[in-house]
Every structure is written in structure tokens, then in C-alpha cells.
């Protein structure tokens, strides 16, 4: 019988602790912002947190979820980057709330999905968010429901959206769960950093966006996330501001093979320029703290041995060895990392894909960094009546003799 399933690895992220010698790790930088999280984007390990579970208005960070829904439709082949997006009057810049950031949609224009995505990511256009919502779901409320279903599917119960732009202060996130969403987002759409979030400027409308030969009044806007200019390793993601939220930032940077995520919420100051500078400085200080003291490394998994399948259509099953495990390690502790594997040697058919065949733990000395279960990933049905009868007798006598089954 040919086994076509694959071995699955389900990990639990262990919150990072300082271990037996916390004095060996300098304290994190002081953070004045209301809430903050620093996360390893590969492993999900949180390296710093402040008020990580405090609900807070995301402002335009909301648009990352809107972008995700559009990119997901592209990924599924339902639309393309060049698919035309209708621009009814509700999407026009002149019909957006006051103080809105805009990509400047208007009458007698045509836009593609690519235009709308860049209008969301670079210009942070509220008009672009409305256009995306109407294009995908037909109404803002239906699109908000779609956003909520998506984050609920990911198990992010503290993210809630009432519209796609972030203008409404009733949108809610927490720093922790939004960082987890961003981890998922980057895994699903790694290309978005280059194609959207690190793009430095966006010009709209261009000649191809104007109908009926009207005069083009192009407006060039620059990426509102100034870290993509000022911090060499930053390549995304999004800023946000409301009077009710203060200044927010979700940023990512990659240095020497380690990618980190930082979420900063609720920065305030005596004036907007000072608040933005504080927000950016605190994000960079956390990123530098992470890069200086932590590293992402991959740990090899020892080969798994054959498993006896009682009463099965096949008598033995050798799980394939999964890929190496990424872990977040304190810099300088790389040689102290080890993996322990506790494997099942016997299974009884039927075996389901979700059957646990081994448990893995990754240690730094005596401290558990990550732990998780290896799943069979394949279905093994029961064998013939003769196989079932034979193995039933063998199992009976092995139990009688106290031999493991």
C-alpha cells in the first residue's frame, strides 16, 4: 500500500524567558508608547511585550487585513493584479470623511487591483479601502464581516473590524494578536514586502487611469512608513493614526537571516512630528535590541524509526523526517541547543492523519524553547479480517507477557 500523506509538525510556541541567568541579558529599551510587541517573525516567539493584550484602535493598520483579502483572492486565481476595479461615487476621494488619507480616486477614472493595493499600502488611501470592499463584497459591512471571519479562522479573537480603512475608532486589535496576524500575513504573502510595503512612492492618477482624454493631474505620495527610508533593514509594513488611537506602527526588518516584527500602538507627543519620531525611535530601538541579543536558527530533527501498525493494511509505517525546526535563541547560546524526540513505536489501525506519532522538544540547556507534536499526516485503514484476527491474538499474548504493544 502506498502512503501518500505527509508528516505534519504542530508546534506550541513557548513564551521566551530569560532562563537561569537573566542578568546576562541587558534590559530592553524603555518604551513610552501605550502598547508594544517585538516578535520573531519566523517562530512567533515574543521577545518583548508591553500591554500586549490591551484592546486598541488600529487606525490604518486595518488596511493590512484589507490588503490580505485582496492578495488572497489573487493567490486563489479569482482575480489578477490587472483586474479592473469599479469606482462608483462612494469610492471617490471627495466622498471620504474629513482628514482621510487618500489615493485620490475620482470620476472618469479606471483603476486596477494593483493600483488599489498600492493605494492602500503606500498612500494609505481610505478611498482605496472602500473601493476594495465594494469590489470584493458589494458593501462595506459585508466586507467587514469577511475580515472578521478571516481573523476568527486564524484564532485571533481580539481582532475586530467594522470597516476596511481604519477610520472608525470601533475597529479593535491588540499588539500581540496583530503581530500574530502579521506573522501569518508574511508567510502567506512574502512578496508583498517588495511589491507593496517597501515601495517608496506612488503616483496616481497616471495617464492610463484617466478616461475620455481628460487632463491628468497626477499626485505623487511617499510611503508613510518612513522606516523604509531611514532604517536599512526595514521593508514594511504600515502606519496608522487617529486622534482616538495616537500613532501606531507595524514594522518588519530582516538582518543577518533573522526577521523581526514590531507593533507599536498609542504613541503620543506634544505635536504630531514629535510623536511620529518617538514611535519610530522606539520601533528601531526594539528591533536593534532583538537583533543584538537574539538569532533565528534551524535545528535538525533526528530520523524517526519504523512504527509497527497493528491490524493495519500495512504492518509498518516509517514516518518521513520533517524539515529542521526554526527556533529563537539568545545570541551566543547556539551551541547549547538540543532536540529530544519521544516517538511512538506501535499504533493500532485505523490510523488518522491527526494521530500523534512523536513529541519534540527543543531545549536551551534545561529551558524548553519550543515543543510540538508530529502527526502521521496519512490515513492507514484496517487490514483484512485475517490480519486483524492475527494481530489481535499477538497483542493479547504480548500484553499477557507485559511486552509493549
Protein backbone atom coordinates (compact mmCIF):
# COMPACT_ATOMS: atom_id res chain seq x y z
CA UNK A 1 0.00 0.00 0.00
CA UNK A 2 1.47 3.36 -0.99
CA UNK A 3 1.32 6.05 1.69
CA UNK A 4 0.79 9.45 0.09
CA UNK A 5 0.30 11.51 3.22
CA UNK A 6 2.93 13.77 4.69
CA UNK A 7 4.16 14.18 8.22
CA UNK A 8 2.82 17.29 9.88
CA UNK A 9 4.53 19.27 12.60
CA UNK A 10 2.34 21.17 15.05
CA UNK A 11 4.30 23.40 17.40
CA UNK A 12 3.39 25.22 20.55
CA UNK A 13 5.34 28.43 20.97
CA UNK A 14 6.80 28.67 24.47
CA UNK A 15 6.91 32.27 25.73
CA UNK A 16 10.53 33.34 25.86
CA UNK A 17 12.03 33.54 29.33
CA UNK A 18 15.43 34.70 30.46
CA UNK A 19 16.34 31.35 31.94
CA UNK A 20 18.56 30.80 34.93
CA UNK A 21 20.75 33.86 34.40
CA UNK A 22 18.61 36.87 33.47
CA UNK A 23 21.40 39.27 34.34
CA UNK A 24 23.30 38.06 31.27
CA UNK A 25 20.69 39.76 29.05
CA UNK A 26 20.54 43.57 29.21
CA UNK A 27 17.10 45.06 29.89
CA UNK A 28 15.02 46.11 26.87
CA UNK A 29 14.89 49.78 25.92
CA UNK A 30 12.33 51.98 27.68
CA UNK A 31 9.08 52.25 25.72
CA UNK A 32 6.68 55.15 26.32
CA UNK A 33 4.06 54.04 23.78
CA UNK A 34 0.89 52.58 25.20
CA UNK A 35 1.47 49.03 23.91
CA UNK A 36 4.22 47.20 22.07
CA UNK A 37 5.29 43.72 20.96
CA UNK A 38 8.57 42.51 19.46
CA UNK A 39 8.26 39.10 17.76
CA UNK A 40 10.46 36.74 15.81
CA UNK A 41 8.53 36.59 12.53
CA UNK A 42 9.67 33.03 11.80
CA UNK A 43 8.95 31.32 15.12
CA UNK A 44 6.35 33.60 16.70
CA UNK A 45 8.47 33.93 19.83
CA UNK A 46 7.73 37.17 21.65
CA UNK A 47 10.92 38.92 22.73
CA UNK A 48 9.33 41.98 24.32
CA UNK A 49 5.82 42.97 25.29
CA UNK A 50 4.08 45.87 26.96
CA UNK A 51 0.29 45.89 27.40
CA UNK A 52 0.25 43.28 24.64
CA UNK A 53 -3.39 42.30 25.24
CA UNK A 54 -4.84 45.79 25.62
CA UNK A 55 -7.59 46.45 23.01
CA UNK A 56 -6.75 49.48 20.89
CA UNK A 57 -7.98 51.18 17.70
CA UNK A 58 -5.64 50.12 14.87
CA UNK A 59 -6.33 53.12 12.62
CA UNK A 60 -4.81 52.41 9.20
CA UNK A 61 -3.13 49.19 10.36
CA UNK A 62 -6.60 47.87 9.48
CA UNK A 63 -5.64 48.17 5.83
CA UNK A 64 -3.17 45.27 6.12
CA UNK A 65 -6.15 42.94 6.63
CA UNK A 66 -7.87 44.54 3.63
CA UNK A 67 -4.71 44.03 1.56
CA UNK A 68 -4.53 40.40 2.72
CA UNK A 69 -8.03 39.68 1.44
CA UNK A 70 -7.19 41.09 -2.00
CA UNK A 71 -3.87 39.21 -2.15
CA UNK A 72 -5.63 36.02 -1.09
CA UNK A 73 -8.05 36.35 -4.00
CA UNK A 74 -5.10 36.82 -6.34
CA UNK A 75 -3.42 33.76 -4.85
CA UNK A 76 -6.56 31.69 -5.44
CA UNK A 77 -6.73 32.84 -9.06
CA UNK A 78 -10.06 34.62 -8.59
CA UNK A 79 -8.62 37.98 -9.69
CA UNK A 80 -5.29 39.27 -11.03
CA UNK A 81 -3.17 42.34 -10.44
CA UNK A 82 -4.60 43.81 -13.65
CA UNK A 83 -8.28 43.09 -12.95
CA UNK A 84 -10.28 46.35 -13.31
CA UNK A 85 -11.86 47.66 -10.09
CA UNK A 86 -15.14 49.60 -10.46
CA UNK A 87 -15.06 53.13 -9.00
CA UNK A 88 -18.63 54.12 -8.05
CA UNK A 89 -19.14 57.52 -6.38
CA UNK A 90 -18.83 56.02 -2.90
CA UNK A 91 -15.14 55.39 -3.62
CA UNK A 92 -14.27 58.92 -4.74
CA UNK A 93 -11.91 60.96 -2.61
CA UNK A 94 -14.40 63.82 -2.28
CA UNK A 95 -16.87 61.48 -0.55
CA UNK A 96 -14.47 60.25 2.15
CA UNK A 97 -14.53 61.59 5.73
CA UNK A 98 -12.54 64.70 6.53
CA UNK A 99 -8.88 64.16 7.46
CA UNK A 100 -8.82 60.96 5.42
CA UNK A 101 -5.61 59.82 3.80
CA UNK A 102 -6.38 59.30 0.10
CA UNK A 103 -5.10 57.85 -3.16
CA UNK A 104 -7.43 60.36 -4.87
CA UNK A 105 -9.92 58.20 -6.70
CA UNK A 106 -12.45 60.20 -8.68
CA UNK A 107 -14.91 60.31 -11.57
CA UNK A 108 -13.85 59.31 -15.07
CA UNK A 109 -11.04 57.14 -13.75
CA UNK A 110 -10.18 53.50 -14.14
CA UNK A 111 -8.07 51.54 -11.67
CA UNK A 112 -6.71 48.01 -11.44
CA UNK A 113 -6.29 45.77 -8.42
CA UNK A 114 -2.60 46.72 -8.45
CA UNK A 115 -3.50 50.42 -8.26
CA UNK A 116 -5.82 49.80 -5.32
CA UNK A 117 -3.24 47.66 -3.50
CA UNK A 118 -0.54 50.30 -3.86
CA UNK A 119 -3.06 52.96 -2.91
CA UNK A 120 -3.69 51.03 0.29
CA UNK A 121 -0.10 50.11 1.11
CA UNK A 122 1.78 53.29 0.12
CA UNK A 123 -0.74 56.14 0.14
CA UNK A 124 -2.91 54.54 2.85
CA UNK A 125 -5.98 55.66 0.93
CA UNK A 126 -9.32 55.36 2.68
CA UNK A 127 -10.88 55.67 -0.76
CA UNK A 128 -8.83 52.64 -1.86
CA UNK A 129 -10.19 50.67 1.11
CA UNK A 130 -13.78 51.47 0.16
CA UNK A 131 -13.08 50.50 -3.45
CA UNK A 132 -11.61 47.17 -2.29
CA UNK A 133 -14.60 46.48 -0.05
CA UNK A 134 -17.21 47.19 -2.73
CA UNK A 135 -15.22 45.25 -5.33
CA UNK A 136 -14.91 42.12 -3.18
CA UNK A 137 -18.13 42.07 -1.16
CA UNK A 138 -20.53 44.63 -2.60
CA UNK A 139 -20.76 46.66 0.61
CA UNK A 140 -18.56 47.90 3.43
CA UNK A 141 -20.49 45.95 6.06
CA UNK A 142 -20.25 42.67 4.13
CA UNK A 143 -16.52 43.19 3.66
CA UNK A 144 -16.08 43.87 7.38
CA UNK A 145 -17.84 40.59 8.09
CA UNK A 146 -15.41 38.89 5.72
CA UNK A 147 -12.48 40.46 7.57
CA UNK A 148 -13.81 39.20 10.88
CA UNK A 149 -14.41 35.70 9.58
CA UNK A 150 -10.84 35.60 8.33
CA UNK A 151 -9.22 36.63 11.61
CA UNK A 152 -11.54 34.30 13.53
CA UNK A 153 -10.41 31.47 11.25
CA UNK A 154 -6.88 32.23 12.36
CA UNK A 155 -7.91 32.05 16.02
CA UNK A 156 -7.40 35.79 16.56
CA UNK A 157 -10.35 36.52 18.80
CA UNK A 158 -9.25 40.01 19.86
CA UNK A 159 -9.20 41.50 16.36
CA UNK A 160 -12.50 43.05 15.27
CA UNK A 161 -13.29 45.31 12.33
CA UNK A 162 -16.32 47.38 11.39
CA UNK A 163 -14.91 48.83 8.14
CA UNK A 164 -11.83 48.33 5.93
CA UNK A 165 -9.89 51.60 6.23
CA UNK A 166 -9.33 52.03 9.95
CA UNK A 167 -11.08 55.40 10.07
CA UNK A 168 -13.64 54.11 12.56
CA UNK A 169 -12.35 54.02 16.14
CA UNK A 170 -14.57 50.99 16.83
CA UNK A 171 -12.08 48.77 15.00
CA UNK A 172 -10.06 46.88 17.61
CA UNK A 173 -6.75 44.98 17.79
CA UNK A 174 -4.21 44.02 20.41
CA UNK A 175 -0.47 44.28 19.87
CA UNK A 176 0.00 40.55 20.45
CA UNK A 177 -2.69 39.31 18.09
CA UNK A 178 -1.89 41.82 15.39
CA UNK A 179 1.74 40.65 15.49
CA UNK A 180 0.47 37.08 15.10
CA UNK A 181 -1.66 38.20 12.15
CA UNK A 182 1.38 39.84 10.56
CA UNK A 183 3.38 36.62 11.01
CA UNK A 184 0.65 34.76 9.11
CA UNK A 185 0.41 37.56 6.53
CA UNK A 186 4.13 37.43 5.73
CA UNK A 187 4.05 33.64 5.49
CA UNK A 188 1.14 33.86 3.02
CA UNK A 189 2.35 36.87 1.06
CA UNK A 190 6.13 37.22 1.37
CA UNK A 191 6.25 39.01 -1.98
CA UNK A 192 4.13 41.85 -0.56
CA UNK A 193 7.16 43.37 1.13
CA UNK A 194 8.84 44.04 -2.20
CA UNK A 195 5.77 44.73 -4.32
CA UNK A 196 3.83 46.85 -1.82
CA UNK A 197 5.19 47.67 1.61
CA UNK A 198 8.70 48.82 0.74
CA UNK A 199 7.60 50.80 -2.32
CA UNK A 200 8.76 54.33 -1.60
CA UNK A 201 6.38 56.38 -3.72
CA UNK A 202 3.08 56.06 -5.52
CA UNK A 203 1.75 58.27 -8.31
CA UNK A 204 -1.95 58.38 -9.13
CA UNK A 205 -3.78 59.02 -11.36
CA UNK A 206 -1.45 58.29 -14.25
CA UNK A 207 -2.44 58.77 -17.92
CA UNK A 208 -3.73 55.19 -18.17
CA UNK A 209 -6.06 55.86 -15.22
CA UNK A 210 -7.97 58.70 -16.89
CA UNK A 211 -10.89 58.22 -19.28
CA UNK A 212 -12.26 60.41 -22.05
CA UNK A 213 -8.95 62.12 -22.73
CA UNK A 214 -9.24 64.34 -19.66
CA UNK A 215 -6.20 66.20 -18.38
CA UNK A 216 -4.13 64.16 -15.95
CA UNK A 217 -3.49 65.73 -12.55
CA UNK A 218 -1.04 63.22 -11.11
CA UNK A 219 -0.27 63.25 -7.39
CA UNK A 220 2.86 61.55 -6.07
CA UNK A 221 2.78 60.40 -2.46
CA UNK A 222 5.55 58.87 -0.40
CA UNK A 223 5.38 55.80 1.82
CA UNK A 224 4.05 56.89 5.20
CA UNK A 225 6.27 54.30 6.91
CA UNK A 226 9.47 56.36 6.95
CA UNK A 227 11.45 53.41 8.36
CA UNK A 228 11.76 52.09 4.81
CA UNK A 229 13.91 55.17 4.14
CA UNK A 230 15.72 55.61 7.43
CA UNK A 231 16.33 52.08 8.79
CA UNK A 232 18.39 49.99 6.35
CA UNK A 233 16.88 46.61 7.26
CA UNK A 234 13.20 47.68 7.27
CA UNK A 235 10.96 46.63 4.38
CA UNK A 236 7.44 47.24 5.70
CA UNK A 237 4.67 47.33 6.80
CA UNK A 238 2.16 50.05 7.78
CA UNK A 239 1.46 53.10 9.91
CA UNK A 240 -1.79 54.39 11.38
CA UNK A 241 -3.19 57.40 13.16
CA UNK A 242 -6.47 58.51 14.70
CA UNK A 243 -6.99 61.10 17.40
CA UNK A 244 -8.52 58.28 19.44
CA UNK A 245 -5.58 55.91 18.87
CA UNK A 246 -2.48 58.02 18.76
CA UNK A 247 0.25 56.98 16.34
CA UNK A 248 0.54 53.27 15.50
CA UNK A 249 3.15 51.31 13.58
CA UNK A 250 3.57 47.73 12.38
CA UNK A 251 7.10 47.25 11.06
CA UNK A 252 9.32 44.40 9.98
CA UNK A 253 13.04 44.17 9.31
CA UNK A 254 15.48 41.41 8.36
CA UNK A 255 19.11 41.36 9.41
CA UNK A 256 21.63 38.53 9.12
CA UNK A 257 18.92 35.97 8.41
CA UNK A 258 16.63 36.93 11.31
CA UNK A 259 13.31 38.65 10.57
CA UNK A 260 11.59 40.52 13.38
CA UNK A 261 8.17 42.15 13.69
CA UNK A 262 7.39 45.10 15.92
CA UNK A 263 3.95 46.52 16.70
CA UNK A 264 3.78 49.92 18.42
CA UNK A 265 0.39 51.29 19.49
CA UNK A 266 -0.73 54.56 21.02
CA UNK A 267 2.33 56.79 20.78
CA UNK A 268 1.63 60.39 21.76
CA UNK A 269 3.67 63.57 21.97
CA UNK A 270 3.48 67.35 22.19
CA UNK A 271 2.94 67.54 18.44
CA UNK A 272 2.49 65.06 15.56
CA UNK A 273 6.10 65.30 14.36
CA UNK A 274 7.46 64.56 17.83
CA UNK A 275 5.01 61.68 18.32
CA UNK A 276 5.95 60.11 14.98
CA UNK A 277 9.65 60.45 15.80
CA UNK A 278 9.10 58.81 19.19
CA UNK A 279 7.12 55.97 17.62
CA UNK A 280 9.80 55.34 15.01
CA UNK A 281 12.66 55.61 17.50
CA UNK A 282 11.00 53.11 19.84
CA UNK A 283 10.37 50.69 16.98
CA UNK A 284 14.01 50.88 15.88
CA UNK A 285 15.29 50.52 19.45
CA UNK A 286 13.23 47.34 19.89
CA UNK A 287 14.38 45.95 16.55
CA UNK A 288 18.01 46.68 17.40
CA UNK A 289 17.54 45.07 20.81
CA UNK A 290 16.17 41.97 19.14
CA UNK A 291 18.89 41.74 16.50
CA UNK A 292 21.64 42.29 19.07
CA UNK A 293 20.51 39.66 21.54
CA UNK A 294 18.58 37.01 19.59
CA UNK A 295 19.03 34.93 16.46
CA UNK A 296 16.77 32.60 14.48
CA UNK A 297 18.39 29.24 13.80
CA UNK A 298 17.26 25.88 12.44
CA UNK A 299 17.68 22.73 14.49
CA UNK A 300 17.87 19.34 12.78
CA UNK A 301 15.44 16.59 13.81
CA UNK A 302 16.80 13.07 14.36
CA UNK A 303 15.48 10.45 11.90
CA UNK A 304 12.32 8.68 13.01
CA UNK A 305 12.24 4.88 13.21
CA UNK A 306 9.65 2.48 11.82
CA UNK A 307 6.33 2.13 13.67
CA UNK A 308 4.51 -1.22 13.98
CA UNK A 309 0.89 -0.80 12.84
CA UNK A 310 -1.27 -3.43 14.49
CA UNK A 311 -4.32 -4.59 12.49
CA UNK A 312 -3.32 -2.27 9.65
CA UNK A 313 -3.41 -2.59 5.90
CA UNK A 314 0.37 -2.22 6.13
CA UNK A 315 2.34 -3.77 9.01
CA UNK A 316 4.88 -0.97 9.41
CA UNK A 317 4.94 2.75 8.82
CA UNK A 318 8.16 4.81 8.71
CA UNK A 319 7.33 8.49 9.14
CA UNK A 320 9.41 10.78 6.94
CA UNK A 321 11.76 13.05 8.86
CA UNK A 322 10.36 16.59 8.75
CA UNK A 323 12.33 19.69 7.99
CA UNK A 324 14.54 21.35 10.56
CA UNK A 325 12.81 23.34 13.29
CA UNK A 326 13.27 27.12 13.42
CA UNK A 327 13.89 28.40 16.95
CA UNK A 328 14.67 31.74 18.51
CA UNK A 329 17.86 31.58 20.53
CA UNK A 330 19.75 34.04 22.67
CA UNK A 331 22.79 35.06 20.68
CA UNK A 332 25.82 33.11 21.87
CA UNK A 333 23.72 30.13 23.02
CA UNK A 334 23.56 28.40 19.62
CA UNK A 335 25.80 25.53 20.72
CA UNK A 336 23.57 24.83 23.75
CA UNK A 337 20.52 23.90 21.69
CA UNK A 338 19.39 20.28 21.57
CA UNK A 339 16.33 18.35 20.40
CA UNK A 340 14.65 15.49 22.23
CA UNK A 341 12.21 13.24 20.37
CA UNK A 342 9.79 10.84 22.08
CA UNK A 343 8.39 8.55 19.37
CA UNK A 344 5.58 6.00 19.33
CA UNK A 345 6.74 2.53 18.28
CA UNK A 346 3.30 0.97 17.99
CA UNK A 347 -0.01 2.17 16.51
CA UNK A 348 -3.35 0.43 16.10
CA UNK A 349 -5.28 0.83 12.86
CA UNK A 350 -7.19 2.69 11.71
CA UNK A 351 -4.61 5.50 11.91
CA UNK A 352 -5.85 9.01 11.14
CA UNK A 353 -3.76 11.84 9.67
CA UNK A 354 -4.11 13.66 13.02
CA UNK A 355 -2.66 10.75 15.01
CA UNK A 356 0.35 11.84 17.08
CA UNK A 357 3.41 9.75 16.26
CA UNK A 358 6.10 11.69 18.16
CA UNK A 359 6.64 14.61 20.50
CA UNK A 360 9.53 17.00 20.01
CA UNK A 361 11.09 19.43 22.47
CA UNK A 362 13.81 21.93 21.73
CA UNK A 363 15.98 22.88 24.71
CA UNK A 364 18.45 25.60 25.55
CA UNK A 365 20.18 23.84 28.39
CA UNK A 366 17.25 22.85 30.60
CA UNK A 367 14.88 25.51 29.28
CA UNK A 368 12.23 24.43 26.74
CA UNK A 369 12.21 26.80 23.76
CA UNK A 370 9.64 25.01 21.61
CA UNK A 371 7.62 21.85 21.83
CA UNK A 372 5.19 20.18 19.49
CA UNK A 373 3.66 17.04 18.09
CA UNK A 374 4.48 15.21 14.90
CA UNK A 375 1.32 13.95 13.22
CA UNK A 376 1.05 10.95 10.94
CA UNK A 377 -0.35 13.04 8.10
CA UNK A 378 -1.59 9.84 6.40
CA UNK A 379 -4.56 7.52 6.83
CA UNK A 380 -3.83 3.83 7.39
CA UNK A 381 -7.03 1.73 7.23
CA UNK A 382 -7.59 -1.63 8.89
CA UNK A 383 -6.28 -4.66 7.10
CA UNK A 384 -8.06 -7.87 6.12
CA UNK A 385 -10.05 -9.94 8.60
CA UNK A 386 -7.13 -12.34 8.76
CA UNK A 387 -4.66 -9.52 9.64
CA UNK A 388 -6.99 -8.15 12.30
CA UNK A 389 -7.53 -11.60 13.84
CA UNK A 390 -3.81 -12.47 13.77
CA UNK A 391 -2.75 -9.17 15.33
CA UNK A 392 -5.49 -9.38 17.95
CA UNK A 393 -4.07 -12.70 19.13
CA UNK A 394 -0.49 -11.39 19.05
CA UNK A 395 -1.45 -8.28 21.01
CA UNK A 396 -3.27 -10.42 23.60
CA UNK A 397 -0.21 -12.55 24.30
CA UNK A 398 2.18 -9.57 24.28
CA UNK A 399 0.01 -7.84 26.88
CA UNK A 400 -0.14 -11.06 28.86
CA UNK A 401 3.66 -11.16 28.86
CA UNK A 402 3.81 -7.41 29.56
CA UNK A 403 5.52 -6.69 26.26
CA UNK A 404 4.75 -3.22 24.87
CA UNK A 405 2.12 -3.06 22.16
